[in-house]
Each structure stands twice: as structure tokens, then as C-alpha cells.
């Protein structure tokens, strides 16, 4: 079963315009969706087919010139209703916080101070540099929604770095 986020992204893409699964995969890639939703190319294809099977989308086989046949998908009225329902469900959920480095912090007192400081400093640097990298990408996004999403990501990286700086001071004192 697809996550709510995956269904929203696929149905939303189909609301924008009819497209093939390949075009949808490329659209999601161009928008950097994979930075914040775990969705592989095979998953896009599987989910588009499933959404068709469930009546949320229709697929039409088309042939353009010498190109091989492809299936172009369009959203159905039922799919639009599902999209609206899922948007409401997702908006009511608290944000999922899943930082991969939390096991490091949970066990930081098990290493010596020098190692602990080095680990925390690396986490701080990683999050600060990632925020800066994301900031540089933002102007390339034409859509306000995409820019806002990436700004939130960059701000989150900065917030994590700031939190880690305070955590290091609380744990070890000022250097």
C-alpha cells in the first residue's frame, strides 16, 4: 500500500496534466521529491497502475510517430475526490521527525569527550552545509510551492545545527 504522501504526489501530478508514468517519474525527480518522500521509479509505476485499478486514474495507450506505444494517465473524478481526502488527512497529521543521527546522540555519553565533540561537530557541519546547498538550489525552482518546501528543508537543517550546538554546550560546557 502506498503512503499518503506518494498518492498525493501522483494524483497531484495528474491533476496538473495527463502524463505517462515515465513523465511522472521525471517530474518528481525534477522537483526533488525524493529528498523528502521515499519513492523509487518502480514505485511510481506500480502506484500509477494501482491507482488505475482502483478507479482513481485512467490509462490510454497512445503512439506518437515512430515512438513506441506509451500509456498516458489522466485523473478521474474519483481520483480528484481521493486527492482532496488525502490532502485533508495529511494536513491533520503531525510532522514525522525521523533524524538518522538520533542513535548517535542517544549514545554520545558512551564515548570520550573528544570523540563526542568531534561527532557532534561533524553533525553540525553536515547540517549547516546541507542548508547552504539547499539554499543555492531554491532559485532554480519556478513553483512557489517547491521553493517553500525547499526553504522549510533548509530552515530545518539550520534548526538542527543550532540545536546540536546548544546540546554540545549543555553536555560538555563551552570549549
Foldseek 3Di string as FASTA:
>chain_A
DDDLVLLLLLLVVQVVHWAFLVVSVVVCVVLVVCVPDPADSVNSVVVQVVCVVVPQKPWDWDDDPPDDITIIIHGDPVVVVSSVVSVVVVVPDDDDDDDPCVVCVVCLVVDDLVVSVVVLVVLLVVLQVVLVVLVVCLVVDPDPVSSVVSNVSSVVSNVVSVVSVVVNCVVPNDD
